Amino acid sequence: MLSRHSRTRVLAVCAAPVLALFAVAVFAPLPYVLAQPGSTANVLGDDKGRPVITVTGAPTRETTGQLRMTTIVATGPSVDIDLGQIVDAWFRTDRAVMPKEAVYPTGDTDEQIEEHNAAEMRKSQNVAARAALNYLDEDEDEVKVDLSLADIGGPSAGLFFALGIVDKLDGDGAGGDLTGGRNIAGTGTISPDGTVGAVGGVPLKTQAARRDGASVFLVPRDECSMAQAELPDGLRLVPVTTLKDAVGALRELAKKDGKVPSC
């Protein structure tokens, strides 16, 4: 039978490897990335001295208000994240922890990820132009759209590129601005037929939108509940499923008693 002092020594010896394992767990790299609100960009404005949207082959109109596409910033696939960083992010509304494989394909380098995201952005721009011109019944062979937005990758700006093109060419369809002079933000992929797709990271994007002055946020309908989780004060959520939905919602917002869907 162990004496009280003997038991103390045994417990101390047993605790040592547990503490060592805990220390390893705290500082060992884990398969996650940390994300936070990123930049926003007004697609109706300029980027590095160039218009984000340039249309040739059809008359365009001067616009007021803003259409802000939103982003998140995530640690790269080669950056090690430890338990301490994850615990810290868990208690912050301006940080998110995501599985690495959900953000980056396994085995890809930072350079490959950057190339992939740039390619996705180019594809998104081309599809957005097609979706907008299809919506407006414009001939793609006659009307050309050039989109220029540097240092931002991925497909999640598709909806806002398409809305920007619609505003440049047609406004609200009755001589006014599609934005109604407001600062409108949002996110969503776009397909050629105008379908809006989910993107992820929405709670962080709403924070970026409100930080940069937006009062309305267009969100893919399937991500409404996620967007509501950390919704900043003063930001109105408007769910959309298609480009037509988004245009219709913005037109209604401009009316005094317009009926606009909400999450």
Foldseek 3Di string as FASTA:
>chain_A
DDDPVRVVVVVVVVVVVVVVVVVCQQPPFDQKKKKFWDAKDFQCQDDPPHRQKDKPLAAWDRAAATEIETDMDIDFRVDGDGPVNVVVQVPDLGMDIGGNCVPDPPPDGRVRVVVVFAVQCVVLLVLLVLQLCVVVVHDPVRMDMDGDDPPGGHQWCNLSSNLSVCQGHQALVPPHHLQLNFHEYETFGAGNNFFTHADDPQCNRQVNSVVVPHQEYEHAPVCQVVNVPNHDPRYFYAHDGGSVLSSQQSSQVNDPPRDTDGD
